[in-house]
C-alpha atoms as a PDB file:
ATOM      1  CA  MET A   1     -11.514  26.986  -7.200  1.00  0.00           C
ATOM      2  CA  MET A   2      -9.299  24.584  -9.085  1.00  0.00           C
ATOM      3  CA  PHE A   3      -7.870  21.384  -7.560  1.00  0.00           C
ATOM      4  CA  ASN A   4      -4.666  19.830  -8.793  1.00  0.00           C
ATOM      5  CA  PHE A   5      -4.657  16.120  -7.612  1.00  0.00           C
ATOM      6  CA  GLU A   6      -4.696  12.610  -8.815  1.00  0.00           C
ATOM      7  CA  ILE A   7      -6.756   9.838  -7.246  1.00  0.00           C
ATOM      8  CA  GLY A   8      -6.394   6.040  -7.353  1.00  0.00           C
ATOM      9  CA  ILE A   9      -8.190   3.303  -6.075  1.00  0.00           C
ATOM     10  CA  ASP A  10      -7.685  -0.777  -5.767  1.00  0.00           C
ATOM     11  CA  ILE A  11      -9.278  -3.491  -4.290  1.00  0.00           C
ATOM     12  CA  VAL A  12      -7.446  -6.768  -3.337  1.00  0.00           C
ATOM     13  CA  ASN A  13      -8.917 -10.428  -2.397  1.00  0.00           C
ATOM     14  CA  ILE A  14      -7.065 -11.153   0.882  1.00  0.00           C
ATOM     15  CA  ASN A  15      -6.898 -14.633   0.028  1.00  0.00           C
ATOM     16  CA  ARG A  16      -5.113 -13.641  -3.322  1.00  0.00           C
ATOM     17  CA  ILE A  17      -2.282 -12.273  -0.948  1.00  0.00           C
ATOM     18  CA  LYS A  18      -2.297 -15.272   1.103  1.00  0.00           C
ATOM     19  CA  THR A  19      -1.914 -17.792  -1.789  1.00  0.00           C
ATOM     20  CA  MET A  20       0.836 -15.639  -2.913  1.00  0.00           C
ATOM     21  CA  VAL A  21       2.649 -15.739   0.199  1.00  0.00           C
ATOM     22  CA  GLU A  22       1.887 -19.528   0.539  1.00  0.00           C
ATOM     23  CA  THR A  23       3.215 -20.216  -3.125  1.00  0.00           C
ATOM     24  CA  TYR A  24       6.173 -17.891  -3.348  1.00  0.00           C
ATOM     25  CA  GLY A  25       7.063 -17.018   0.308  1.00  0.00           C
ATOM     26  CA  ALA A  26       9.950 -14.787   1.037  1.00  0.00           C
ATOM     27  CA  LYS A  27      10.576 -14.183  -2.661  1.00  0.00           C
ATOM     28  CA  PHE A  28       7.030 -12.520  -2.920  1.00  0.00           C
ATOM     29  CA  LEU A  29       7.009 -10.748   0.441  1.00  0.00           C
ATOM     30  CA  ASN A  30      10.534  -9.246  -0.289  1.00  0.00           C
ATOM     31  CA  LYS A  31       9.687  -7.857  -3.951  1.00  0.00           C
ATOM     32  CA  ILE A  32       6.527  -6.124  -2.313  1.00  0.00           C
ATOM     33  CA  TYR A  33       7.024  -5.180   1.032  1.00  0.00           C
ATOM     34  CA  THR A  34       9.730  -3.420   2.923  1.00  0.00           C
ATOM     35  CA  GLN A  35      10.935  -4.738   6.249  1.00  0.00           C
ATOM     36  CA  ASN A  36       8.995  -2.358   8.363  1.00  0.00           C
ATOM     37  CA  GLU A  37       5.798  -3.051   6.505  1.00  0.00           C
ATOM     38  CA  LEU A  38       6.350  -6.883   7.236  1.00  0.00           C
ATOM     39  CA  GLU A  39       7.230  -6.372  10.891  1.00  0.00           C
ATOM     40  CA  GLU A  40       4.021  -4.188  11.139  1.00  0.00           C
ATOM     41  CA  ALA A  41       1.860  -6.825   9.531  1.00  0.00           C
ATOM     42  CA  LYS A  42       3.005  -9.521  11.852  1.00  0.00           C
ATOM     43  CA  ARG A  43       2.613  -7.312  14.864  1.00  0.00           C
ATOM     44  CA  GLY A  44      -0.878  -6.438  14.191  1.00  0.00           C
ATOM     45  CA  GLY A  45      -2.507  -9.748  14.482  1.00  0.00           C
ATOM     46  CA  HIS A  46      -4.073  -9.719  10.941  1.00  0.00           C
ATOM     47  CA  PHE A  47      -1.003 -10.556   8.856  1.00  0.00           C
ATOM     48  CA  TYR A  48      -2.849 -11.176   5.388  1.00  0.00           C
ATOM     49  CA  GLN A  49      -5.357  -8.415   6.042  1.00  0.00           C
ATOM     50  CA  SER A  50      -2.481  -5.939   6.741  1.00  0.00           C
ATOM     51  CA  LEU A  51      -0.492  -7.159   3.600  1.00  0.00           C
ATOM     52  CA  ALA A  52      -3.586  -6.868   1.410  1.00  0.00           C
ATOM     53  CA  GLY A  53      -4.395  -3.363   2.756  1.00  0.00           C
ATOM     54  CA  LYS A  54      -0.579  -2.250   1.740  1.00  0.00           C
ATOM     55  CA  PHE A  55      -0.811  -3.895  -1.457  1.00  0.00           C
ATOM     56  CA  ALA A  56      -4.046  -2.179  -2.556  1.00  0.00           C
ATOM     57  CA  ALA A  57      -2.663   1.164  -1.116  1.00  0.00           C
ATOM     58  CA  LYS A  58       0.623   0.916  -3.231  1.00  0.00           C
ATOM     59  CA  GLU A  59      -1.737  -0.203  -6.208  1.00  0.00           C
ATOM     60  CA  ALA A  60      -3.842   2.896  -5.703  1.00  0.00           C
ATOM     61  CA  PHE A  61      -0.937   5.114  -5.526  1.00  0.00           C
ATOM     62  CA  PHE A  62       0.580   3.815  -8.771  1.00  0.00           C
ATOM     63  CA  LYS A  63      -2.674   4.699 -10.513  1.00  0.00           C
ATOM     64  CA  THR A  64      -2.024   8.292  -9.493  1.00  0.00           C
ATOM     65  CA  GLN A  65       1.209   8.632 -11.275  1.00  0.00           C
ATOM     66  CA  SER A  66       2.286   8.663 -14.940  1.00  0.00           C
ATOM     67  CA  ILE A  67       5.772   7.396 -14.450  1.00  0.00           C
ATOM     68  CA  ASP A  68       7.285   4.237 -14.309  1.00  0.00           C
ATOM     69  CA  ILE A  69      10.290   4.372 -11.933  1.00  0.00           C
ATOM     70  CA  ILE A  70       8.211   3.851  -9.029  1.00  0.00           C
ATOM     71  CA  THR A  71       8.457   0.220  -7.792  1.00  0.00           C
ATOM     72  CA  PHE A  72       6.525  -1.492  -4.807  1.00  0.00           C
ATOM     73  CA  LYS A  73       9.652  -1.033  -2.492  1.00  0.00           C
ATOM     74  CA  ASN A  74       9.847   2.876  -3.290  1.00  0.00           C
ATOM     75  CA  ILE A  75       6.611   3.186  -1.306  1.00  0.00           C
ATOM     76  CA  GLU A  76       6.217   2.165   2.263  1.00  0.00           C
ATOM     77  CA  ILE A  77       2.975   1.953   3.880  1.00  0.00           C
ATOM     78  CA  LEU A  78       2.796   2.241   7.552  1.00  0.00           C
ATOM     79  CA  SER A  79       0.118   3.191  10.091  1.00  0.00           C
ATOM     80  CA  ALA A  80       0.395   5.883  12.730  1.00  0.00           C
ATOM     81  CA  PRO A  81      -0.658   5.290  16.251  1.00  0.00           C
ATOM     82  CA  GLY A  82      -4.528   4.834  16.109  1.00  0.00           C
ATOM     83  CA  GLY A  83      -4.214   3.283  12.770  1.00  0.00           C
ATOM     84  CA  LYS A  84      -4.073   5.919  10.233  1.00  0.00           C
ATOM     85  CA  PRO A  85      -2.050   4.692   7.277  1.00  0.00           C
ATOM     86  CA  TYR A  86       0.708   6.975   6.006  1.00  0.00           C
ATOM     87  CA  CYS A  87       3.394   6.656   3.022  1.00  0.00           C
ATOM     88  CA  ILE A  88       7.108   6.965   3.090  1.00  0.00           C
ATOM     89  CA  PHE A  89       8.642   7.513  -0.348  1.00  0.00           C
ATOM     90  CA  ARG A  90      12.082   6.026  -1.080  1.00  0.00           C
ATOM     91  CA  ALA A  91      14.063   7.171  -3.772  1.00  0.00           C
ATOM     92  CA  THR A  92      11.719   9.569  -5.181  1.00  0.00           C
ATOM     93  CA  LYS A  93      10.865  13.155  -5.027  1.00  0.00           C
ATOM     94  CA  ILE A  94       7.190  12.411  -4.252  1.00  0.00           C
ATOM     95  CA  LYS A  95       5.672  13.570  -0.693  1.00  0.00           C
ATOM     96  CA  ASN A  96       2.202  14.707  -1.018  1.00  0.00           C
ATOM     97  CA  CYS A  97      -0.134  11.587  -0.802  1.00  0.00           C
ATOM     98  CA  THR A  98      -3.018  10.683   1.480  1.00  0.00           C
ATOM     99  CA  LEU A  99      -4.381   7.249   2.051  1.00  0.00           C
ATOM    100  CA  SER A 100      -7.483   5.632   3.229  1.00  0.00           C
ATOM    101  CA  ILE A 101      -7.338   1.748   3.834  1.00  0.00           C
ATOM    102  CA  SER A 102     -10.382  -0.492   4.559  1.00  0.00           C
ATOM    103  CA  HIS A 103     -10.612  -4.116   5.246  1.00  0.00           C
ATOM    104  CA  GLU A 104     -13.708  -6.481   5.149  1.00  0.00           C
ATOM    105  CA  LYS A 105     -13.992 -10.237   5.617  1.00  0.00           C
ATOM    106  CA  HIS A 106     -12.583 -11.033   2.043  1.00  0.00           C
ATOM    107  CA  TYR A 107     -11.219  -7.811   0.640  1.00  0.00           C
ATOM    108  CA  ALA A 108      -9.057  -4.833   1.331  1.00  0.00           C
ATOM    109  CA  VAL A 109      -9.658  -1.521  -0.488  1.00  0.00           C
ATOM    110  CA  ALA A 110      -7.454   1.467  -0.582  1.00  0.00           C
ATOM    111  CA  VAL A 111      -7.816   5.275  -2.125  1.00  0.00           C
ATOM    112  CA  ALA A 112      -4.879   7.218  -2.690  1.00  0.00           C
ATOM    113  CA  PHE A 113      -4.827  11.037  -3.262  1.00  0.00           C
ATOM    114  CA  PHE A 114      -1.816  12.674  -4.654  1.00  0.00           C
ATOM    115  CA  PHE A 115      -1.595  16.246  -4.475  1.00  0.00           C
ATOM    116  CA  LYS A 116       0.532  17.700  -7.305  1.00  0.00           C
ATOM    117  CA  SER A 117       2.618  20.815  -6.663  1.00  0.00           C
END
């Protein structure tokens, strides 16, 4: 059986994201995250951990693609009830992505599977 998919993985130091937010503030946040992502991160009680997971997920997804038109804000990473992450793609025709995000004390890691049509 032949599978037609791409896989990407990324790991982010949570303190790196915290430093970027403290250094660049809204300029960094608004370049990388959608308003929905920021609101979800604030509600969850683990702001920097959530941001790092979303950042890692976006980077992991980028690694599945060979096109450069996708930006950080074209991909919205949110959580379904129960915590399962999912993607919403804006201004792209992409729709078949599955994510997994994990957090540990200092790191967030994400894996993205992109199923090709």
